[in-house]
């Protein structure tokens, strides 16, 4: 088994691998395989390669840009990859509020990783993400952290409480793309997120 894939998930991956052609298959099907490579297979290099191939075929496929940037930020973990991710995210258009909110959140994470943005600059990115997606957890959580860093502990607590209120249970019936977006991008269904937020709220003394 790959990663922590179940036998059923492994069978799905093998079936997709056997029938999909990166040059001709639908981009949505290729994205599904890339997401399975990411989770639960933990074959991130394969996911990155497939997402890069998708973008070679359609350079405007914003959802693929989001996931490729996410992998560069959370898997590749080197400055060159962070810079690639930033370039991808800056080209996500404002017309899609959800994907733009994701891009702004990831841009803040990239700035955090590269350590080339000030706290106020990161806060502005995160505030813009929250304005577009106020019901998410990840953007409010990180915003609260940076507000606390600059001494705005009361406002930080407001953001963490709002994030706690935005948590939703993971629904096994969700399609793969929706499930992974809610777990890894919005953070609303992330494993253990309620305990982590409650712990941070306690540390804020709120």
Protein backbone atom coordinates (compact mmCIF):
# COMPACT_ATOMS: atom_id res chain seq x y z
CA UNK A 1 0.00 0.00 0.00
CA UNK A 2 1.09 3.56 -0.73
CA UNK A 3 1.08 6.01 2.15
CA UNK A 4 -1.95 5.15 4.25
CA UNK A 5 -4.29 4.35 1.35
CA UNK A 6 -6.94 1.75 2.00
CA UNK A 7 -7.25 -1.21 -0.33
CA UNK A 8 -10.23 0.54 -1.96
CA UNK A 9 -8.30 3.77 -2.46
CA UNK A 10 -5.33 1.87 -3.85
CA UNK A 11 -7.63 0.19 -6.35
CA UNK A 12 -9.02 3.58 -7.43
CA UNK A 13 -5.50 4.95 -7.95
CA UNK A 14 -4.44 1.93 -9.99
CA UNK A 15 -7.57 2.17 -12.13
CA UNK A 16 -6.96 5.86 -12.82
CA UNK A 17 -3.30 5.23 -13.62
CA UNK A 18 -4.22 2.51 -16.08
CA UNK A 19 -6.75 4.56 -18.04
CA UNK A 20 -5.51 8.14 -17.86
CA UNK A 21 -3.15 9.73 -20.36
CA UNK A 22 -1.57 13.00 -19.14
CA UNK A 23 -1.56 14.29 -22.72
CA UNK A 24 -5.20 13.63 -23.60
CA UNK A 25 -7.34 12.76 -20.56
CA UNK A 26 -9.66 15.30 -18.98
CA UNK A 27 -7.94 17.78 -16.70
CA UNK A 28 -10.50 17.09 -13.95
CA UNK A 29 -9.63 13.38 -13.96
CA UNK A 30 -5.91 14.14 -13.90
CA UNK A 31 -6.45 16.54 -11.00
CA UNK A 32 -8.30 13.79 -9.13
CA UNK A 33 -5.32 11.47 -9.56
CA UNK A 34 -2.91 14.22 -8.45
CA UNK A 35 -4.98 14.76 -5.28
CA UNK A 36 -4.95 11.02 -4.56
CA UNK A 37 -1.18 11.00 -5.00
CA UNK A 38 -1.02 13.76 -2.40
CA UNK A 39 -3.43 12.16 0.06
CA UNK A 40 -3.63 9.32 0.98
CA UNK A 41 -0.75 7.99 -1.15
CA UNK A 42 1.86 10.55 -0.05
CA UNK A 43 3.50 10.42 -3.46
CA UNK A 44 3.90 14.16 -3.62
CA UNK A 45 6.53 14.12 -6.38
CA UNK A 46 4.06 12.34 -8.64
CA UNK A 47 1.37 14.84 -7.71
CA UNK A 48 3.67 17.76 -8.53
CA UNK A 49 4.62 16.25 -11.90
CA UNK A 50 1.01 15.65 -12.82
CA UNK A 51 -0.07 19.16 -11.80
CA UNK A 52 2.77 20.66 -13.81
CA UNK A 53 1.59 18.65 -16.81
CA UNK A 54 -1.97 19.90 -16.33
CA UNK A 55 -0.72 23.50 -16.36
CA UNK A 56 1.32 22.86 -19.49
CA UNK A 57 -1.96 21.97 -21.20
CA UNK A 58 -3.99 24.78 -19.62
CA UNK A 59 -1.97 27.55 -18.03
CA UNK A 60 -5.18 29.19 -16.74
CA UNK A 61 -6.38 26.22 -14.66
CA UNK A 62 -6.42 28.06 -11.34
CA UNK A 63 -7.36 25.10 -9.15
CA UNK A 64 -4.28 23.23 -10.38
CA UNK A 65 -2.20 26.33 -9.56
CA UNK A 66 -3.57 26.34 -6.01
CA UNK A 67 -2.70 22.69 -5.42
CA UNK A 68 0.73 22.94 -7.03
CA UNK A 69 1.51 26.00 -4.90
CA UNK A 70 0.24 24.15 -1.83
CA UNK A 71 2.61 21.26 -2.50
CA UNK A 72 5.53 23.58 -3.12
CA UNK A 73 4.81 25.26 0.23
CA UNK A 74 4.12 22.19 2.35
CA UNK A 75 6.17 19.47 0.65
CA UNK A 76 9.02 20.89 -1.42
CA UNK A 77 10.01 23.32 1.35
CA UNK A 78 12.85 25.11 -0.44
CA UNK A 79 13.15 28.79 -1.43
CA UNK A 80 13.10 28.08 -5.18
CA UNK A 81 9.84 26.14 -4.82
CA UNK A 82 8.36 28.88 -2.64
CA UNK A 83 9.13 31.41 -5.37
CA UNK A 84 7.52 29.19 -8.01
CA UNK A 85 4.47 28.94 -5.79
CA UNK A 86 4.29 32.71 -5.36
CA UNK A 87 4.40 33.22 -9.13
CA UNK A 88 1.59 30.71 -9.62
CA UNK A 89 -0.58 32.29 -6.94
CA UNK A 90 -0.13 35.85 -8.18
CA UNK A 91 -1.72 34.80 -11.47
CA UNK A 92 -4.93 33.46 -9.88
CA UNK A 93 -7.62 35.95 -10.99
CA UNK A 94 -9.89 37.95 -8.71
CA UNK A 95 -12.95 36.69 -10.58
CA UNK A 96 -13.13 33.47 -8.54
CA UNK A 97 -13.53 34.55 -4.91
CA UNK A 98 -12.89 31.09 -3.47
CA UNK A 99 -9.67 30.45 -5.36
CA UNK A 100 -8.49 34.02 -4.85
CA UNK A 101 -9.03 33.62 -1.10
CA UNK A 102 -6.98 30.42 -1.23
CA UNK A 103 -4.26 32.19 -3.21
CA UNK A 104 -4.06 35.02 -0.67
CA UNK A 105 -3.82 32.56 2.22
CA UNK A 106 -1.07 30.60 0.49
CA UNK A 107 0.75 33.82 -0.46
CA UNK A 108 0.87 34.65 3.24
CA UNK A 109 2.23 31.17 3.99
CA UNK A 110 4.85 31.61 1.26
CA UNK A 111 5.86 34.98 2.75
CA UNK A 112 6.11 33.25 6.10
CA UNK A 113 8.34 30.55 4.60
CA UNK A 114 10.59 32.96 2.72
CA UNK A 115 10.65 35.42 5.64
CA UNK A 116 10.57 38.29 3.16
CA UNK A 117 7.30 39.94 4.22
CA UNK A 118 6.71 41.95 7.35
CA UNK A 119 3.96 41.05 9.82
CA UNK A 120 1.78 43.97 8.61
CA UNK A 121 2.17 42.77 5.01
CA UNK A 122 1.20 39.22 5.99
CA UNK A 123 -1.75 40.55 7.97
CA UNK A 124 -3.01 42.50 4.94
CA UNK A 125 -2.89 39.35 2.79
CA UNK A 126 -4.75 37.37 5.41
CA UNK A 127 -7.34 40.09 5.99
CA UNK A 128 -8.01 40.09 2.25
CA UNK A 129 -8.42 36.30 2.32
CA UNK A 130 -10.81 36.52 5.28
CA UNK A 131 -12.82 39.23 3.50
CA UNK A 132 -13.33 36.86 0.57
CA UNK A 133 -13.80 33.69 2.65
CA UNK A 134 -15.00 34.62 6.16
CA UNK A 135 -16.26 31.09 6.89
CA UNK A 136 -12.84 29.44 6.62
CA UNK A 137 -10.57 28.38 9.45
CA UNK A 138 -7.04 28.49 8.02
CA UNK A 139 -7.03 32.15 7.08
CA UNK A 140 -8.50 33.30 10.41
CA UNK A 141 -6.15 31.05 12.37
CA UNK A 142 -3.03 32.45 10.70
CA UNK A 143 -4.40 35.99 10.89
CA UNK A 144 -4.94 35.56 14.63
CA UNK A 145 -1.38 34.31 15.04
CA UNK A 146 0.12 37.36 13.32
CA UNK A 147 -2.16 39.78 15.15
CA UNK A 148 -0.90 38.32 18.39
CA UNK A 149 2.68 38.71 17.13
CA UNK A 150 2.21 42.48 16.84
CA UNK A 151 0.50 42.72 20.22
CA UNK A 152 -3.12 42.76 19.06
CA UNK A 153 -4.10 39.87 21.36
CA UNK A 154 -7.77 40.83 21.75
CA UNK A 155 -8.28 40.98 17.98
CA UNK A 156 -6.28 37.74 17.64
CA UNK A 157 -8.72 36.08 20.04
CA UNK A 158 -11.65 37.36 17.96
CA UNK A 159 -10.19 35.65 14.90
CA UNK A 160 -9.50 32.37 16.73
CA UNK A 161 -13.03 32.27 18.17
CA UNK A 162 -14.43 32.89 14.69
CA UNK A 163 -12.24 30.10 13.33
CA UNK A 164 -13.54 27.74 16.02
CA UNK A 165 -17.09 28.61 14.98
CA UNK A 166 -16.29 27.82 11.35
CA UNK A 167 -15.22 24.20 11.93
CA UNK A 168 -17.36 21.61 10.16
CA UNK A 169 -17.33 17.80 10.42
CA UNK A 170 -15.68 15.89 7.62
CA UNK A 171 -18.40 14.32 5.49
CA UNK A 172 -17.44 10.91 4.04
CA UNK A 173 -19.84 11.60 1.17
CA UNK A 174 -17.85 14.59 -0.09
CA UNK A 175 -16.18 14.13 -3.47
CA UNK A 176 -12.40 13.86 -3.24
CA UNK A 177 -11.68 17.39 -4.49
CA UNK A 178 -14.10 18.95 -2.01
CA UNK A 179 -12.79 16.88 0.89
CA UNK A 180 -9.16 17.76 0.29
CA UNK A 181 -10.00 21.45 -0.21
CA UNK A 182 -11.88 21.53 3.11
CA UNK A 183 -9.10 19.71 4.95
CA UNK A 184 -5.97 21.31 3.49
CA UNK A 185 -7.03 24.71 2.13
CA UNK A 186 -10.00 26.05 4.11
CA UNK A 187 -8.97 24.07 7.18
CA UNK A 188 -12.60 23.73 8.22
CA UNK A 189 -12.40 19.93 8.37
CA UNK A 190 -8.73 19.59 9.30
CA UNK A 191 -7.92 16.78 11.72
CA UNK A 192 -7.57 17.99 15.31
CA UNK A 193 -8.14 21.63 14.43
CA UNK A 194 -10.63 22.29 17.25
CA UNK A 195 -8.16 21.18 19.92
CA UNK A 196 -5.33 23.22 18.39
CA UNK A 197 -7.43 26.38 18.20
CA UNK A 198 -8.77 25.94 21.73
CA UNK A 199 -5.23 25.46 23.02
CA UNK A 200 -4.06 28.62 21.26
CA UNK A 201 -7.01 30.58 22.63
CA UNK A 202 -6.00 29.48 26.12
CA UNK A 203 -2.44 30.67 25.51
CA UNK A 204 -3.83 34.05 24.48
CA UNK A 205 -5.55 34.20 27.86
CA UNK A 206 -8.90 34.76 26.20
